[in-house]
C-alpha atoms as a PDB file:
ATOM      1  CA  MET A   1      43.992  61.634  33.726  1.00  0.00           C
ATOM      2  CA  TRP A   2      44.863  57.920  34.052  1.00  0.00           C
ATOM      3  CA  GLY A   3      48.191  57.877  32.229  1.00  0.00           C
ATOM      4  CA  VAL A   4      50.350  54.760  32.415  1.00  0.00           C
ATOM      5  CA  SER A   5      50.526  53.668  36.030  1.00  0.00           C
ATOM      6  CA  TYR A   6      50.520  50.606  38.264  1.00  0.00           C
ATOM      7  CA  TRP A   7      47.071  49.527  37.028  1.00  0.00           C
ATOM      8  CA  VAL A   8      48.675  48.400  33.764  1.00  0.00           C
ATOM      9  CA  PHE A   9      50.371  45.408  35.468  1.00  0.00           C
ATOM     10  CA  PRO A  10      47.198  43.309  36.030  1.00  0.00           C
ATOM     11  CA  LEU A  11      45.938  44.178  32.544  1.00  0.00           C
ATOM     12  CA  ILE A  12      49.143  42.916  30.924  1.00  0.00           C
ATOM     13  CA  SER A  13      48.976  39.777  33.058  1.00  0.00           C
ATOM     14  CA  ALA A  14      45.306  39.074  32.339  1.00  0.00           C
ATOM     15  CA  PHE A  15      45.457  39.724  28.598  1.00  0.00           C
ATOM     16  CA  CYS A  16      48.633  37.667  28.257  1.00  0.00           C
ATOM     17  CA  TRP A  17      47.018  34.736  30.097  1.00  0.00           C
ATOM     18  CA  LEU A  18      43.772  35.004  28.129  1.00  0.00           C
ATOM     19  CA  GLY A  19      45.615  35.358  24.822  1.00  0.00           C
ATOM     20  CA  MET A  20      47.764  32.330  25.578  1.00  0.00           C
ATOM     21  CA  LEU A  21      44.746  30.168  26.439  1.00  0.00           C
ATOM     22  CA  MET A  22      42.790  31.237  23.363  1.00  0.00           C
ATOM     23  CA  GLY A  23      45.826  30.759  21.122  1.00  0.00           C
ATOM     24  CA  MET A  24      46.433  27.232  22.398  1.00  0.00           C
ATOM     25  CA  LEU A  25      42.776  26.234  22.145  1.00  0.00           C
ATOM     26  CA  ILE A  26      42.343  27.658  18.631  1.00  0.00           C
ATOM     27  CA  HIS A  27      45.605  26.068  17.475  1.00  0.00           C
ATOM     28  CA  TRP A  28      44.498  22.635  18.659  1.00  0.00           C
ATOM     29  CA  GLN A  29      41.031  22.956  17.142  1.00  0.00           C
ATOM     30  CA  VAL A  30      41.938  24.652  13.834  1.00  0.00           C
ATOM     31  CA  ASN A  31      45.509  23.665  13.006  1.00  0.00           C
ATOM     32  CA  ASN A  32      45.405  20.190  14.577  1.00  0.00           C
ATOM     33  CA  ASN A  33      41.705  19.600  13.886  1.00  0.00           C
ATOM     34  CA  GLY A  34      41.203  18.517  17.483  1.00  0.00           C
ATOM     35  CA  ALA A  35      43.638  15.649  16.984  1.00  0.00           C
ATOM     36  CA  HIS A  36      44.437  13.070  19.648  1.00  0.00           C
ATOM     37  CA  LEU A  37      47.739  14.212  21.172  1.00  0.00           C
ATOM     38  CA  PRO A  38      50.418  11.834  22.574  1.00  0.00           C
ATOM     39  CA  PRO A  39      49.843  12.712  26.269  1.00  0.00           C
ATOM     40  CA  MET A  40      46.073  12.096  26.016  1.00  0.00           C
ATOM     41  CA  ALA A  41      44.470   8.908  27.355  1.00  0.00           C
ATOM     42  CA  ALA A  42      43.077   6.408  24.857  1.00  0.00           C
ATOM     43  CA  THR A  43      39.447   7.359  25.602  1.00  0.00           C
ATOM     44  CA  GLN A  44      40.147  11.104  25.870  1.00  0.00           C
ATOM     45  CA  THR A  45      38.861  13.417  23.130  1.00  0.00           C
ATOM     46  CA  ILE A  46      39.235  16.822  24.849  1.00  0.00           C
ATOM     47  CA  ALA A  47      42.819  17.952  25.407  1.00  0.00           C
ATOM     48  CA  TYR A  48      44.108  19.329  28.690  1.00  0.00           C
ATOM     49  CA  ILE A  49      45.882  22.669  28.518  1.00  0.00           C
ATOM     50  CA  SER A  50      49.055  20.803  29.393  1.00  0.00           C
ATOM     51  CA  ASP A  51      48.479  18.287  26.572  1.00  0.00           C
ATOM     52  CA  ILE A  52      48.597  21.127  24.048  1.00  0.00           C
ATOM     53  CA  GLY A  53      51.400  22.868  25.929  1.00  0.00           C
ATOM     54  CA  SER A  54      53.619  19.785  25.798  1.00  0.00           C
ATOM     55  CA  GLN A  55      53.767  19.813  22.000  1.00  0.00           C
ATOM     56  CA  GLU A  56      54.871  22.461  19.482  1.00  0.00           C
ATOM     57  CA  LEU A  57      53.299  25.280  21.527  1.00  0.00           C
ATOM     58  CA  LYS A  58      55.454  24.563  24.586  1.00  0.00           C
ATOM     59  CA  PRO A  59      57.499  27.782  24.092  1.00  0.00           C
ATOM     60  CA  LEU A  60      54.232  29.771  24.059  1.00  0.00           C
ATOM     61  CA  PHE A  61      53.046  27.978  27.204  1.00  0.00           C
ATOM     62  CA  ILE A  62      56.285  28.718  29.072  1.00  0.00           C
ATOM     63  CA  ALA A  63      56.521  32.348  27.899  1.00  0.00           C
ATOM     64  CA  GLY A  64      52.840  33.043  28.600  1.00  0.00           C
ATOM     65  CA  SER A  65      53.056  31.523  32.077  1.00  0.00           C
ATOM     66  CA  CYS A  66      56.173  33.546  32.926  1.00  0.00           C
ATOM     67  CA  VAL A  67      54.791  36.885  31.739  1.00  0.00           C
ATOM     68  CA  THR A  68      51.421  36.282  33.401  1.00  0.00           C
ATOM     69  CA  THR A  69      52.854  35.449  36.806  1.00  0.00           C
ATOM     70  CA  VAL A  70      55.591  38.096  36.800  1.00  0.00           C
ATOM     71  CA  PHE A  71      53.133  40.907  36.089  1.00  0.00           C
ATOM     72  CA  LEU A  72      50.610  39.471  38.533  1.00  0.00           C
ATOM     73  CA  ASP A  73      53.280  39.455  41.245  1.00  0.00           C
ATOM     74  CA  LEU A  74      54.113  43.052  40.320  1.00  0.00           C
ATOM     75  CA  SER A  75      50.428  43.820  40.896  1.00  0.00           C
ATOM     76  CA  PHE A  76      50.639  42.302  44.396  1.00  0.00           C
ATOM     77  CA  LEU A  77      53.791  44.261  45.207  1.00  0.00           C
ATOM     78  CA  SER A  78      52.326  47.468  43.761  1.00  0.00           C
ATOM     79  CA  GLU A  79      49.258  47.153  45.948  1.00  0.00           C
ATOM     80  CA  ARG A  80      51.479  46.763  49.044  1.00  0.00           C
ATOM     81  CA  PHE A  81      53.703  49.699  48.011  1.00  0.00           C
ATOM     82  CA  LEU A  82      50.769  52.018  47.236  1.00  0.00           C
ATOM     83  CA  ARG A  83      49.113  51.309  50.585  1.00  0.00           C
ATOM     84  CA  HIS A  84      52.408  51.965  52.355  1.00  0.00           C
ATOM     85  CA  LYS A  85      52.791  55.307  50.555  1.00  0.00           C
ATOM     86  CA  GLY A  86      49.185  56.372  51.133  1.00  0.00           C
ATOM     87  CA  ARG A  87      48.288  56.190  47.452  1.00  0.00           C
ATOM     88  CA  LEU A  88      45.637  53.634  48.440  1.00  0.00           C
ATOM     89  CA  ALA A  89      43.758  53.352  51.742  1.00  0.00           C
ATOM     90  CA  ARG A  90      46.432  52.574  54.313  1.00  0.00           C
ATOM     91  CA  ASN A  91      46.469  49.440  56.436  1.00  0.00           C
ATOM     92  CA  THR A  92      45.195  50.338  59.896  1.00  0.00           C
ATOM     93  CA  SER A  93      47.005  47.584  61.817  1.00  0.00           C
ATOM     94  CA  MET A  94      50.102  45.411  61.729  1.00  0.00           C
ATOM     95  CA  PHE A  95      47.827  42.372  61.346  1.00  0.00           C
ATOM     96  CA  GLN A  96      46.572  43.696  57.997  1.00  0.00           C
ATOM     97  CA  LYS A  97      50.156  44.154  56.801  1.00  0.00           C
ATOM     98  CA  VAL A  98      50.973  40.587  57.827  1.00  0.00           C
ATOM     99  CA  LEU A  99      47.968  39.346  55.846  1.00  0.00           C
ATOM    100  CA  SER A 100      49.224  41.279  52.825  1.00  0.00           C
ATOM    101  CA  TRP A 101      52.753  39.845  52.999  1.00  0.00           C
ATOM    102  CA  VAL A 102      51.485  36.292  53.553  1.00  0.00           C
ATOM    103  CA  SER A 103      49.284  36.737  50.478  1.00  0.00           C
ATOM    104  CA  ILE A 104      52.323  37.870  48.470  1.00  0.00           C
ATOM    105  CA  GLY A 105      54.289  34.863  49.734  1.00  0.00           C
ATOM    106  CA  PHE A 106      51.693  32.344  48.591  1.00  0.00           C
ATOM    107  CA  ALA A 107      51.361  34.180  45.266  1.00  0.00           C
ATOM    108  CA  ALA A 108      55.089  33.578  44.815  1.00  0.00           C
ATOM    109  CA  VAL A 109      54.472  29.862  45.472  1.00  0.00           C
ATOM    110  CA  GLY A 110      51.760  29.900  42.799  1.00  0.00           C
ATOM    111  CA  THR A 111      54.167  31.659  40.430  1.00  0.00           C
ATOM    112  CA  VAL A 112      56.834  28.989  40.882  1.00  0.00           C
ATOM    113  CA  GLY A 113      54.210  26.282  40.425  1.00  0.00           C
ATOM    114  CA  LEU A 114      52.861  27.660  37.140  1.00  0.00           C
ATOM    115  CA  ILE A 115      56.268  28.331  35.589  1.00  0.00           C
ATOM    116  CA  LEU A 116      57.612  24.889  36.536  1.00  0.00           C
ATOM    117  CA  LEU A 117      54.493  23.006  35.396  1.00  0.00           C
ATOM    118  CA  SER A 118      54.825  24.664  31.991  1.00  0.00           C
ATOM    119  CA  ILE A 119      58.483  23.536  31.803  1.00  0.00           C
ATOM    120  CA  PHE A 120      57.967  20.012  33.179  1.00  0.00           C
ATOM    121  CA  ASP A 121      55.092  18.958  30.925  1.00  0.00           C
ATOM    122  CA  ASN A 122      52.689  16.106  31.614  1.00  0.00           C
ATOM    123  CA  TRP A 123      54.032  13.999  28.753  1.00  0.00           C
ATOM    124  CA  ARG A 124      57.675  13.674  29.853  1.00  0.00           C
ATOM    125  CA  HIS A 125      57.454  14.554  33.572  1.00  0.00           C
ATOM    126  CA  ASN A 126      53.921  13.641  34.644  1.00  0.00           C
ATOM    127  CA  THR A 127      54.579  13.314  38.406  1.00  0.00           C
ATOM    128  CA  LEU A 128      56.491  16.594  38.675  1.00  0.00           C
ATOM    129  CA  HIS A 129      53.885  18.292  36.506  1.00  0.00           C
ATOM    130  CA  ASN A 130      51.072  17.249  38.855  1.00  0.00           C
ATOM    131  CA  ILE A 131      53.018  18.436  41.923  1.00  0.00           C
ATOM    132  CA  PHE A 132      53.584  21.848  40.365  1.00  0.00           C
ATOM    133  CA  LEU A 133      49.922  22.009  39.311  1.00  0.00           C
ATOM    134  CA  VAL A 134      48.922  21.618  42.982  1.00  0.00           C
ATOM    135  CA  LEU A 135      51.413  24.355  43.930  1.00  0.00           C
ATOM    136  CA  PHE A 136      49.986  26.683  41.278  1.00  0.00           C
ATOM    137  CA  ILE A 137      46.315  26.284  42.180  1.00  0.00           C
ATOM    138  CA  GLY A 138      46.903  25.965  45.922  1.00  0.00           C
ATOM    139  CA  GLY A 139      49.325  28.896  46.063  1.00  0.00           C
ATOM    140  CA  TYR A 140      47.022  31.365  44.359  1.00  0.00           C
ATOM    141  CA  VAL A 141      43.867  30.187  46.146  1.00  0.00           C
ATOM    142  CA  ILE A 142      45.521  30.503  49.569  1.00  0.00           C
ATOM    143  CA  SER A 143      46.946  33.868  48.508  1.00  0.00           C
ATOM    144  CA  ALA A 144      43.434  34.990  47.560  1.00  0.00           C
ATOM    145  CA  ILE A 145      42.126  33.897  50.974  1.00  0.00           C
ATOM    146  CA  PHE A 146      44.636  36.098  52.792  1.00  0.00           C
ATOM    147  CA  ILE A 147      44.164  39.141  50.565  1.00  0.00           C
ATOM    148  CA  CYS A 148      40.408  38.707  50.891  1.00  0.00           C
ATOM    149  CA  TRP A 149      40.857  38.661  54.664  1.00  0.00           C
ATOM    150  CA  GLU A 150      42.931  41.855  54.464  1.00  0.00           C
ATOM    151  CA  TYR A 151      40.260  43.608  52.372  1.00  0.00           C
ATOM    152  CA  GLN A 152      37.562  42.514  54.807  1.00  0.00           C
ATOM    153  CA  ARG A 153      39.485  44.211  57.645  1.00  0.00           C
ATOM    154  CA  LEU A 154      40.133  47.296  55.524  1.00  0.00           C
ATOM    155  CA  GLY A 155      36.458  47.497  54.621  1.00  0.00           C
ATOM    156  CA  ILE A 156      35.519  47.805  58.288  1.00  0.00           C
ATOM    157  CA  HIS A 157      37.610  50.977  58.616  1.00  0.00           C
ATOM    158  CA  PHE A 158      36.877  52.423  55.156  1.00  0.00           C
ATOM    159  CA  ARG A 159      33.196  51.784  54.639  1.00  0.00           C
ATOM    160  CA  GLN A 160      32.973  54.776  52.287  1.00  0.00           C
ATOM    161  CA  HIS A 161      35.230  53.053  49.732  1.00  0.00           C
ATOM    162  CA  ALA A 162      32.976  50.787  47.670  1.00  0.00           C
ATOM    163  CA  ILE A 163      35.940  49.507  45.643  1.00  0.00           C
ATOM    164  CA  LEU A 164      37.163  47.543  48.657  1.00  0.00           C
ATOM    165  CA  ARG A 165      33.822  45.745  48.915  1.00  0.00           C
ATOM    166  CA  ILE A 166      33.669  45.068  45.173  1.00  0.00           C
ATOM    167  CA  SER A 167      37.196  43.642  45.128  1.00  0.00           C
ATOM    168  CA  PHE A 168      36.478  41.586  48.252  1.00  0.00           C
ATOM    169  CA  TRP A 169      33.428  39.909  46.682  1.00  0.00           C
ATOM    170  CA  ILE A 170      35.233  39.248  43.382  1.00  0.00           C
ATOM    171  CA  LYS A 171      38.081  37.542  45.202  1.00  0.00           C
ATOM    172  CA  LEU A 172      35.721  35.603  47.469  1.00  0.00           C
ATOM    173  CA  PHE A 173      33.835  34.410  44.373  1.00  0.00           C
ATOM    174  CA  PHE A 174      37.169  33.312  42.869  1.00  0.00           C
ATOM    175  CA  ILE A 175      38.079  31.361  46.012  1.00  0.00           C
ATOM    176  CA  LEU A 176      34.776  29.487  46.216  1.00  0.00           C
ATOM    177  CA  ILE A 177      34.537  28.732  42.485  1.00  0.00           C
ATOM    178  CA  GLU A 178      38.151  27.635  42.117  1.00  0.00           C
ATOM    179  CA  ILE A 179      38.010  25.333  45.156  1.00  0.00           C
ATOM    180  CA  ALA A 180      34.812  23.704  43.874  1.00  0.00           C
ATOM    181  CA  LEU A 181      36.240  23.323  40.361  1.00  0.00           C
ATOM    182  CA  ALA A 182      39.565  21.997  41.670  1.00  0.00           C
ATOM    183  CA  ILE A 183      37.776  19.337  43.716  1.00  0.00           C
ATOM    184  CA  GLY A 184      35.727  18.339  40.675  1.00  0.00           C
ATOM    185  CA  PHE A 185      38.869  18.275  38.521  1.00  0.00           C
ATOM    186  CA  GLY A 186      40.659  16.019  41.006  1.00  0.00           C
ATOM    187  CA  VAL A 187      37.733  13.612  41.320  1.00  0.00           C
ATOM    188  CA  CYS A 188      37.269  13.330  37.552  1.00  0.00           C
ATOM    189  CA  SER A 189      40.989  12.782  36.992  1.00  0.00           C
ATOM    190  CA  ARG A 190      41.130  10.076  39.656  1.00  0.00           C
ATOM    191  CA  THR A 191      38.083   8.240  38.308  1.00  0.00           C
ATOM    192  CA  GLY A 192      39.229   8.274  34.682  1.00  0.00           C
ATOM    193  CA  ARG A 193      36.673  10.813  33.402  1.00  0.00           C
ATOM    194  CA  TYR A 194      39.337  12.676  31.486  1.00  0.00           C
ATOM    195  CA  ASN A 195      37.062  14.679  29.179  1.00  0.00           C
ATOM    196  CA  ALA A 196      35.154  16.127  32.133  1.00  0.00           C
ATOM    197  CA  ALA A 197      38.441  16.829  33.893  1.00  0.00           C
ATOM    198  CA  ALA A 198      39.771  18.616  30.798  1.00  0.00           C
ATOM    199  CA  VAL A 199      36.675  20.828  30.601  1.00  0.00           C
ATOM    200  CA  LEU A 200      37.014  21.717  34.292  1.00  0.00           C
ATOM    201  CA  GLU A 201      40.701  22.545  33.819  1.00  0.00           C
ATOM    202  CA  TRP A 202      39.888  25.001  31.015  1.00  0.00           C
ATOM    203  CA  ILE A 203      37.185  26.607  33.171  1.00  0.00           C
ATOM    204  CA  ILE A 204      39.611  26.931  36.103  1.00  0.00           C
ATOM    205  CA  ALA A 205      42.088  28.675  33.814  1.00  0.00           C
ATOM    206  CA  PHE A 206      39.529  31.119  32.389  1.00  0.00           C
ATOM    207  CA  VAL A 207      38.152  31.957  35.854  1.00  0.00           C
ATOM    208  CA  PHE A 208      41.715  32.760  36.908  1.00  0.00           C
ATOM    209  CA  THR A 209      41.672  35.506  34.251  1.00  0.00           C
ATOM    210  CA  PHE A 210      38.908  37.363  36.103  1.00  0.00           C
ATOM    211  CA  TYR A 211      40.838  37.101  39.361  1.00  0.00           C
ATOM    212  CA  VAL A 212      43.840  38.752  37.711  1.00  0.00           C
ATOM    213  CA  PHE A 213      41.565  41.476  36.302  1.00  0.00           C
ATOM    214  CA  SER A 214      40.330  42.235  39.835  1.00  0.00           C
ATOM    215  CA  PHE A 215      43.690  43.813  40.676  1.00  0.00           C
ATOM    216  CA  PHE A 216      42.969  46.500  38.096  1.00  0.00           C
ATOM    217  CA  ILE A 217      40.053  47.506  40.325  1.00  0.00           C
ATOM    218  CA  ASP A 218      42.402  47.573  43.328  1.00  0.00           C
ATOM    219  CA  LEU A 219      45.069  49.735  41.700  1.00  0.00           C
ATOM    220  CA  ILE A 220      43.046  52.206  39.630  1.00  0.00           C
ATOM    221  CA  PRO A 221      42.174  54.508  42.619  1.00  0.00           C
ATOM    222  CA  ALA A 222      45.885  55.351  42.874  1.00  0.00           C
ATOM    223  CA  VAL A 223      45.599  57.561  39.776  1.00  0.00           C
ATOM    224  CA  ARG A 224      43.702  60.058  41.955  1.00  0.00           C
ATOM    225  CA  THR A 225      46.417  60.243  44.613  1.00  0.00           C
ATOM    226  CA  LYS A 226      49.510  61.146  42.612  1.00  0.00           C
ATOM    227  CA  ASP A 227      49.459  64.547  44.285  1.00  0.00           C
ATOM    228  CA  PRO A 228      50.808  64.170  47.863  1.00  0.00           C
ATOM    229  CA  ALA A 229      48.018  66.493  49.059  1.00  0.00           C
ATOM    230  CA  THR A 230      45.405  63.884  48.116  1.00  0.00           C
ATOM    231  CA  ARG A 231      47.004  60.867  49.780  1.00  0.00           C
ATOM    232  CA  PHE A 232      46.013  59.010  52.935  1.00  0.00           C
ATOM    233  CA  SER A 233      47.771  59.974  56.145  1.00  0.00           C
ATOM    234  CA  LYS A 234      48.915  57.399  58.696  1.00  0.00           C
ATOM    235  CA  ASP A 235      45.595  57.717  60.535  1.00  0.00           C
ATOM    236  CA  GLY A 236      43.785  56.660  57.345  1.00  0.00           C
ATOM    237  CA  GLU A 237      42.307  60.057  56.451  1.00  0.00           C
ATOM    238  CA  ARG A 238      43.052  62.105  53.357  1.00  0.00           C
ATOM    239  CA  VAL A 239      45.945  64.490  53.903  1.00  0.00           C
ATOM    240  CA  GLY A 240      44.163  67.264  52.042  1.00  0.00           C
ATOM    241  CA  GLY A 241      41.027  67.043  54.180  1.00  0.00           C
ATOM    242  CA  PHE A 242      37.711  68.250  52.794  1.00  0.00           C
ATOM    243  CA  GLY A 243      37.735  69.763  49.360  1.00  0.00           C
ATOM    244  CA  THR A 244      36.619  69.438  45.805  1.00  0.00           C
ATOM    245  CA  GLY A 245      39.817  67.885  44.488  1.00  0.00           C
ATOM    246  CA  PRO A 246      40.242  64.368  43.098  1.00  0.00           C
ATOM    247  CA  GLY A 247      40.924  62.984  46.560  1.00  0.00           C
ATOM    248  CA  GLU A 248      37.528  63.921  47.939  1.00  0.00           C
ATOM    249  CA  THR A 249      35.441  60.955  49.045  1.00  0.00           C
ATOM    250  CA  MET A 250      31.709  60.579  48.733  1.00  0.00           C
ATOM    251  CA  MET A 251      31.334  61.091  52.482  1.00  0.00           C
ATOM    252  CA  GLN A 252      33.292  64.344  52.279  1.00  0.00           C
ATOM    253  CA  MET A 253      31.158  65.574  49.380  1.00  0.00           C
ATOM    254  CA  GLU A 254      27.998  64.926  51.358  1.00  0.00           C
ATOM    255  CA  GLN A 255      29.388  66.783  54.365  1.00  0.00           C
ATOM    256  CA  ASN A 256      30.462  69.718  52.197  1.00  0.00           C
ATOM    257  CA  ASP A 257      27.020  69.862  50.578  1.00  0.00           C
ATOM    258  CA  GLY A 258      25.427  69.849  54.012  1.00  0.00           C
ATOM    259  CA  ALA A 259      27.636  72.731  55.157  1.00  0.00           C
ATOM    260  CA  ALA A 260      26.820  74.718  52.037  1.00  0.00           C
ATOM    261  CA  ASN A 261      23.094  74.166  52.545  1.00  0.00           C
ATOM    262  CA  SER A 262      23.395  75.322  56.170  1.00  0.00           C
ATOM    263  CA  GLN A 263      25.145  78.524  55.097  1.00  0.00           C
ATOM    264  CA  THR A 264      22.429  79.187  52.517  1.00  0.00           C
ATOM    265  CA  THR A 265      19.716  78.731  55.145  1.00  0.00           C
ATOM    266  CA  VAL A 266      21.463  81.113  57.557  1.00  0.00           C
ATOM    267  CA  GLY A 267      21.783  83.712  54.817  1.00  0.00           C
ATOM    268  CA  GLN A 268      18.076  83.464  53.990  1.00  0.00           C
ATOM    269  CA  ASN A 269      17.132  83.850  57.654  1.00  0.00           C
ATOM    270  CA  ASP A 270      19.325  86.953  58.017  1.00  0.00           C
ATOM    271  CA  GLU A 271      17.662  88.469  54.974  1.00  0.00           C
ATOM    272  CA  ARG A 272      14.212  87.889  56.494  1.00  0.00           C
ATOM    273  CA  VAL A 273      15.261  89.630  59.733  1.00  0.00           C
ATOM    274  CA  VAL A 274      16.571  92.646  57.840  1.00  0.00           C
ATOM    275  CA  ASN A 275      13.300  92.879  55.872  1.00  0.00           C
ATOM    276  CA  ASP A 276      11.247  92.727  59.047  1.00  0.00           C
ATOM    277  CA  VAL A 277      13.238  95.644  60.568  1.00  0.00           C
ATOM    278  CA  LYS A 278      12.593  97.678  57.477  1.00  0.00           C
END
């Protein structure tokens, strides 16, 4: 039933990002025996992601960053396209569409930041690397704020769709955690606690994986609306109306069950009347 559809974009992005992080960490621990790398401070024993990515694994760091962000941006664009086509719950106002496009814009900023920070490593281009790091984290966090805002507005109009609430809370969790971790990372870096900062950077990166995965939850409902008869109309309702097809919502099922029960009760009452006449 699922087939290969838009939901594959966030999975490719998330698994690529996770695989890249695990590959870099394992390489440093196993192949380099946790060695002290050139970009690391004298008292630092835990490598930053960028410390590892500035050495022989720089091609992996660049390629992984590019693939991750490209497919994540495709996830953003797919979500916008599917809502426009009625494959997902449609936006009910121009304000919601603006929130969606602003979110896509800041995601693009995050994309540029991540790709450039992987190219301009912290060993040879430390200042540029730090600027692009701020663009990466800031871009995606601000993007998450706007898409979270959009989902909050959508949830008011589509209370029957639990997926909107689930995705909203996942993204809100990402926003709060990443902001807290980013503040801690900045403070530790400024005060020379490089090992603590390195640990926080790895946590920030792994938490980002779950944020990317959340778009799978957003896009998977579209597999049920490939048939135009099951899509959302411009007023937000299913085109096909009530029914037992894949587009039927839980609210519709409950209403259909209620109608069926009413018909059964009427039939039983008619039978009693006929028996009494006899």
